Amino acid sequence: MGEGLQAALLGLIQGLTEFLPVSSSGHLVLFQQWLGDSFFATEHALLFDLVLHVGTLLPVLWYYREDLGRIVRAWLGGPSGPGGLMGWLRADPDRWLGFLVVVGSIPTAIIGIGMSDVFESLFHGVRPVGAALLVTGALLLATRWRSGGAVDAASMGIGAALLIGLAQGMAITPGISRSGTTIAIALFLGFDRALAARYSFLLSIPAIVGAVGLLTRDGIALDGAGMSALAIGFVTAMVVGYLALVMLVALVRKGGLHRFTWYVWPVGLAALFLG
């Protein structure tokens, strides 16, 4: 397979699975086993992984640019007025939402930095990934009977943010979907559908940035890198990722998150019985 076609296919996989509730890490393990490690083994695999992560970060930043702008504006200036710090934070829903994104990122960071190797080693094989995909499917299916509640950004609590952040951290397990798990937990906690999707993807921004930071902590070698392949992978991941994000948010707002169960379960069963 040519380098450009391989880059496009990897960008397609990353763009789709990063946002759709089907587990990008789980699909990576399955594709490595079913298509062979050589399919993913490029001379600059770490650099390519970095480029794909950045490619899927940009769609979130663009799609939620207005939310991010309001959060930044709400945080300009220091605490003032009655009620101290907490009163200042709660005085503006966008400021409060930004604070809760930071709060939710704490358990994700602790798990991601301290326990990622443990989770990835326990669920590296095909069959464990298949079992994890069945769990993801069960979570998605359960949202069929949870149409969304009345919790909005202003009434969202710190405990809910920590719980969703913990769920995001646990989603480093290959086969457990980050977006599917965080949105499902938010719906179970009574979030309205729009906020469930919005908080999930705003929470993904620090997580993706953190993943990029971990990839670059030991440096990245650019010498001899196939720049055209990197560009193809980047653009593919960015465009496909944006389309996947738009589709998923629309489905969540319509109460259709559970539909992905009928994809996740067959793949999980195939991994269990054919792995």
Protein backbone atom coordinates (compact mmCIF):
# COMPACT_ATOMS: atom_id res chain seq x y z
CA MET A 1 0.00 0.00 0.00
CA GLY A 2 1.41 3.40 -0.95
CA GLU A 3 2.50 5.82 1.74
CA GLY A 4 -0.10 8.43 0.77
CA LEU A 5 -2.97 5.95 0.76
CA GLN A 6 -1.84 4.53 4.09
CA ALA A 7 -1.69 8.05 5.55
CA ALA A 8 -5.19 8.82 4.27
CA LEU A 9 -6.59 5.59 5.72
CA LEU A 10 -4.98 6.20 9.10
CA GLY A 11 -6.33 9.77 9.07
CA LEU A 12 -9.79 8.42 8.24
CA ILE A 13 -9.66 5.92 11.12
CA GLN A 14 -8.42 8.57 13.56
CA GLY A 15 -10.96 11.17 12.46
CA LEU A 16 -13.91 8.80 12.75
CA THR A 17 -13.03 6.95 15.92
CA GLU A 18 -11.77 9.96 17.89
CA PHE A 19 -15.25 11.49 17.96
CA LEU A 20 -17.74 8.72 17.28
CA PRO A 21 -18.44 6.62 20.41
CA VAL A 22 -16.61 3.51 19.16
CA SER A 23 -13.18 3.82 20.91
CA SER A 24 -10.22 5.02 18.85
CA SER A 25 -7.70 3.10 20.98
CA GLY A 26 -9.76 -0.10 20.71
CA HIS A 27 -9.92 0.18 16.94
CA LEU A 28 -6.18 0.79 16.82
CA VAL A 29 -5.55 -2.50 18.66
CA LEU A 30 -7.98 -4.39 16.42
CA PHE A 31 -6.58 -2.97 13.18
CA GLN A 32 -3.04 -3.74 14.31
CA GLN A 33 -4.02 -7.35 14.92
CA TRP A 34 -6.23 -7.85 11.87
CA LEU A 35 -4.22 -5.85 9.33
CA GLY A 36 -0.78 -6.49 10.77
CA ASP A 37 1.59 -4.24 12.69
CA SER A 38 3.45 -3.42 9.48
CA PHE A 39 0.41 -1.45 8.30
CA PHE A 40 0.94 0.99 11.18
CA ALA A 41 4.71 0.78 11.42
CA THR A 42 6.09 3.85 9.71
CA GLU A 43 9.55 5.28 10.10
CA HIS A 44 8.09 8.27 11.91
CA ALA A 45 5.16 6.60 13.68
CA LEU A 46 5.38 8.91 16.73
CA LEU A 47 5.40 12.03 14.57
CA PHE A 48 2.47 10.70 12.56
CA ASP A 49 0.52 9.98 15.74
CA LEU A 50 1.19 13.55 16.88
CA VAL A 51 0.01 15.00 13.57
CA LEU A 52 -3.22 12.98 13.70
CA HIS A 53 -3.93 14.14 17.26
CA VAL A 54 -3.50 17.77 16.24
CA GLY A 55 -5.70 17.08 13.21
CA THR A 56 -8.52 15.96 15.50
CA LEU A 57 -7.98 18.79 17.98
CA LEU A 58 -8.70 21.53 15.43
CA PRO A 59 -12.31 20.42 14.67
CA VAL A 60 -13.22 20.70 18.37
CA LEU A 61 -11.61 24.13 18.66
CA TRP A 62 -13.47 25.33 15.57
CA TYR A 63 -16.85 23.78 16.36
CA TYR A 64 -16.85 25.18 19.91
CA ARG A 65 -15.05 28.43 19.09
CA GLU A 66 -17.96 30.57 20.33
CA ASP A 67 -18.15 28.68 23.64
CA LEU A 68 -14.39 28.97 24.08
CA GLY A 69 -14.53 32.68 23.27
CA ARG A 70 -17.25 33.28 25.87
CA ILE A 71 -15.30 31.28 28.48
CA VAL A 72 -12.11 33.27 27.83
CA ARG A 73 -13.96 36.59 28.02
CA ALA A 74 -15.70 35.55 31.23
CA TRP A 75 -12.34 34.76 32.82
CA LEU A 76 -10.74 38.11 31.95
CA GLY A 77 -10.10 40.04 35.11
CA GLY A 78 -9.87 38.72 38.63
CA PRO A 79 -12.49 37.77 41.22
CA SER A 80 -14.53 40.69 42.42
CA GLY A 81 -17.81 41.39 44.15
CA PRO A 82 -19.55 39.56 47.00
CA GLY A 83 -19.25 35.84 47.60
CA GLY A 84 -15.50 35.50 47.13
CA LEU A 85 -13.99 33.21 44.53
CA MET A 86 -16.89 30.77 44.35
CA GLY A 87 -19.39 33.60 44.08
CA TRP A 88 -17.39 35.10 41.21
CA LEU A 89 -17.17 31.74 39.44
CA ARG A 90 -20.88 31.04 39.76
CA ALA A 91 -21.91 34.55 38.73
CA ASP A 92 -21.40 33.70 35.05
CA PRO A 93 -22.45 30.35 33.49
CA ASP A 94 -19.60 30.45 30.96
CA ARG A 95 -17.04 31.19 33.67
CA TRP A 96 -18.46 28.34 35.74
CA LEU A 97 -18.38 25.97 32.77
CA GLY A 98 -14.73 26.82 32.11
CA PHE A 99 -13.92 26.16 35.76
CA LEU A 100 -15.68 22.78 35.60
CA VAL A 101 -13.69 21.82 32.51
CA VAL A 102 -10.54 22.41 34.57
CA VAL A 103 -11.99 20.42 37.49
CA GLY A 104 -13.00 17.53 35.24
CA SER A 105 -9.52 17.45 33.70
CA ILE A 106 -7.87 16.71 37.06
CA PRO A 107 -8.88 13.01 37.40
CA THR A 108 -8.24 12.53 33.69
CA ALA A 109 -4.71 13.87 34.07
CA ILE A 110 -3.99 11.76 37.15
CA ILE A 111 -5.11 8.57 35.41
CA GLY A 112 -3.53 9.48 32.07
CA ILE A 113 -0.13 10.27 33.54
CA GLY A 114 0.02 7.72 36.33
CA MET A 115 -1.93 4.69 35.11
CA SER A 116 -2.01 4.70 31.29
CA ASP A 117 0.59 1.92 30.98
CA VAL A 118 -1.37 -0.28 33.39
CA PHE A 119 -4.67 0.10 31.55
CA GLU A 120 -3.11 -0.34 28.11
CA SER A 121 -1.22 -3.47 29.16
CA LEU A 122 -4.30 -5.07 30.71
CA PHE A 123 -6.43 -4.46 27.62
CA HIS A 124 -3.87 -4.81 24.85
CA GLY A 125 -5.12 -8.09 23.37
CA VAL A 126 -8.01 -8.48 20.95
CA ARG A 127 -10.35 -10.32 23.34
CA PRO A 128 -10.06 -7.82 26.21
CA VAL A 129 -10.76 -5.04 23.71
CA GLY A 130 -13.81 -6.97 22.52
CA ALA A 131 -15.09 -7.23 26.09
CA ALA A 132 -14.52 -3.51 26.64
CA LEU A 133 -16.43 -2.71 23.44
CA LEU A 134 -19.39 -4.71 24.77
CA VAL A 135 -19.30 -2.54 27.91
CA THR A 136 -19.25 0.57 25.74
CA GLY A 137 -22.22 -0.75 23.79
CA ALA A 138 -24.16 -1.38 27.00
CA LEU A 139 -23.54 2.20 28.15
CA LEU A 140 -24.67 3.56 24.79
CA LEU A 141 -27.79 1.39 24.77
CA ALA A 142 -28.73 2.55 28.28
CA THR A 143 -28.95 6.14 27.01
CA ARG A 144 -31.99 5.11 24.96
CA TRP A 145 -34.01 5.29 28.17
CA ARG A 146 -32.36 8.50 29.35
CA SER A 147 -33.66 11.33 27.20
CA GLY A 148 -31.75 14.03 29.05
CA GLY A 149 -32.59 16.15 32.06
CA ALA A 150 -32.74 19.78 33.08
CA VAL A 151 -29.18 20.30 34.36
CA ASP A 152 -27.62 23.22 32.52
CA ALA A 153 -24.19 24.85 32.78
CA ALA A 154 -25.26 27.11 35.65
CA SER A 155 -26.59 24.25 37.80
CA MET A 156 -23.86 21.72 37.03
CA GLY A 157 -21.92 20.68 40.13
CA ILE A 158 -18.27 20.01 40.94
CA GLY A 159 -19.03 16.39 41.82
CA ALA A 160 -20.54 15.79 38.39
CA ALA A 161 -17.47 17.31 36.71
CA LEU A 162 -15.14 15.06 38.73
CA LEU A 163 -17.21 11.97 37.92
CA ILE A 164 -17.25 12.71 34.18
CA GLY A 165 -13.53 13.48 34.29
CA LEU A 166 -12.96 10.14 36.03
CA ALA A 167 -14.97 8.42 33.30
CA GLN A 168 -12.84 10.15 30.66
CA GLY A 169 -9.69 8.96 32.41
CA MET A 170 -10.96 5.37 32.51
CA ALA A 171 -11.56 5.61 28.77
CA ILE A 172 -7.82 5.22 28.18
CA THR A 173 -8.79 1.55 28.31
CA PRO A 174 -8.79 0.33 24.68
CA GLY A 175 -12.38 -0.47 23.79
CA ILE A 176 -13.96 2.08 26.15
CA SER A 177 -15.12 5.09 24.17
CA ARG A 178 -14.17 8.49 25.58
CA SER A 179 -17.00 10.42 23.95
CA GLY A 180 -19.57 7.68 24.47
CA THR A 181 -18.71 7.21 28.14
CA THR A 182 -18.58 10.89 29.09
CA ILE A 183 -21.79 11.76 27.25
CA ALA A 184 -23.60 8.74 28.69
CA ILE A 185 -22.52 9.59 32.25
CA ALA A 186 -23.60 13.20 31.74
CA LEU A 187 -27.04 12.06 30.56
CA PHE A 188 -27.35 9.69 33.52
CA LEU A 189 -26.55 12.65 35.81
CA GLY A 190 -29.47 14.60 34.35
CA PHE A 191 -27.65 16.91 31.93
CA ASP A 192 -29.68 18.24 29.04
CA ARG A 193 -28.53 16.70 25.77
CA ALA A 194 -26.86 19.79 24.38
CA LEU A 195 -24.77 20.31 27.54
CA ALA A 196 -23.85 16.60 27.70
CA ALA A 197 -22.25 16.81 24.26
CA ARG A 198 -20.78 20.27 24.80
CA TYR A 199 -19.14 19.43 28.14
CA SER A 200 -17.81 16.12 26.80
CA PHE A 201 -16.02 17.75 23.88
CA LEU A 202 -14.83 20.81 25.79
CA LEU A 203 -13.37 18.34 28.29
CA SER A 204 -11.62 16.54 25.44
CA ILE A 205 -9.55 19.63 24.57
CA PRO A 206 -7.21 19.45 27.62
CA ALA A 207 -7.08 15.66 27.18
CA ILE A 208 -5.95 15.90 23.55
CA VAL A 209 -3.49 18.68 24.38
CA GLY A 210 -2.13 16.51 27.20
CA ALA A 211 -1.76 13.56 24.84
CA VAL A 212 0.16 15.76 22.41
CA GLY A 213 2.38 16.91 25.27
CA LEU A 214 3.15 13.32 26.27
CA LEU A 215 4.01 12.46 22.68
CA THR A 216 6.46 15.36 22.45
CA ARG A 217 8.08 15.13 25.87
CA ASP A 218 11.08 13.20 24.50
CA GLY A 219 11.29 15.24 21.31
CA ILE A 220 10.20 14.52 17.76
CA ALA A 221 12.57 13.79 14.91
CA LEU A 222 11.65 15.58 11.66
CA ASP A 223 14.63 14.48 9.59
CA GLY A 224 13.52 12.41 6.62
CA ALA A 225 9.84 12.59 7.52
CA GLY A 226 7.47 12.13 4.60
CA MET A 227 5.90 15.59 4.69
CA SER A 228 3.35 14.81 1.99
CA ALA A 229 2.12 11.74 3.90
CA LEU A 230 1.96 13.76 7.11
CA ALA A 231 -0.07 16.45 5.33
CA ILE A 232 -2.46 13.88 3.87
CA GLY A 233 -3.01 12.25 7.26
CA PHE A 234 -3.47 15.61 8.97
CA VAL A 235 -6.01 16.95 6.49
CA THR A 236 -7.93 13.66 6.37
CA ALA A 237 -8.13 13.42 10.17
CA MET A 238 -9.20 17.07 10.42
CA VAL A 239 -11.95 16.95 7.77
CA VAL A 240 -13.32 13.53 8.70
CA GLY A 241 -13.09 14.41 12.39
CA TYR A 242 -15.13 17.58 11.90
CA LEU A 243 -17.84 15.71 10.00
CA ALA A 244 -17.92 12.98 12.67
CA LEU A 245 -18.18 15.60 15.42
CA VAL A 246 -21.08 17.38 13.70
CA MET A 247 -22.89 14.09 13.17
CA LEU A 248 -22.44 12.90 16.74
CA VAL A 249 -23.59 16.18 18.33
CA ALA A 250 -26.70 16.13 16.14
CA LEU A 251 -27.46 12.53 17.15
CA VAL A 252 -26.98 13.26 20.84
CA ARG A 253 -29.39 16.20 20.64
CA LYS A 254 -31.96 13.90 19.02
CA GLY A 255 -31.42 11.16 21.62
CA GLY A 256 -29.77 8.82 19.11
CA LEU A 257 -26.50 7.98 20.87
CA HIS A 258 -27.70 4.42 21.47
CA ARG A 259 -27.67 3.68 17.73
CA PHE A 260 -23.92 3.13 17.83
CA THR A 261 -24.55 0.06 19.98
CA TRP A 262 -25.47 -1.85 16.83
CA TYR A 263 -21.98 -1.19 15.46
CA VAL A 264 -19.97 -1.57 18.66
CA TRP A 265 -21.50 -4.87 19.78
CA PRO A 266 -20.88 -6.80 16.51
CA VAL A 267 -17.27 -5.56 16.45
CA GLY A 268 -16.84 -6.53 20.09
CA LEU A 269 -18.30 -9.99 19.50
CA ALA A 270 -16.09 -10.46 16.46
CA ALA A 271 -13.06 -9.56 18.56
CA LEU A 272 -14.09 -12.05 21.25
CA PHE A 273 -14.75 -14.99 18.94
CA LEU A 274 -12.29 -14.33 16.10
CA GLY A 275 -9.46 -12.81 18.11
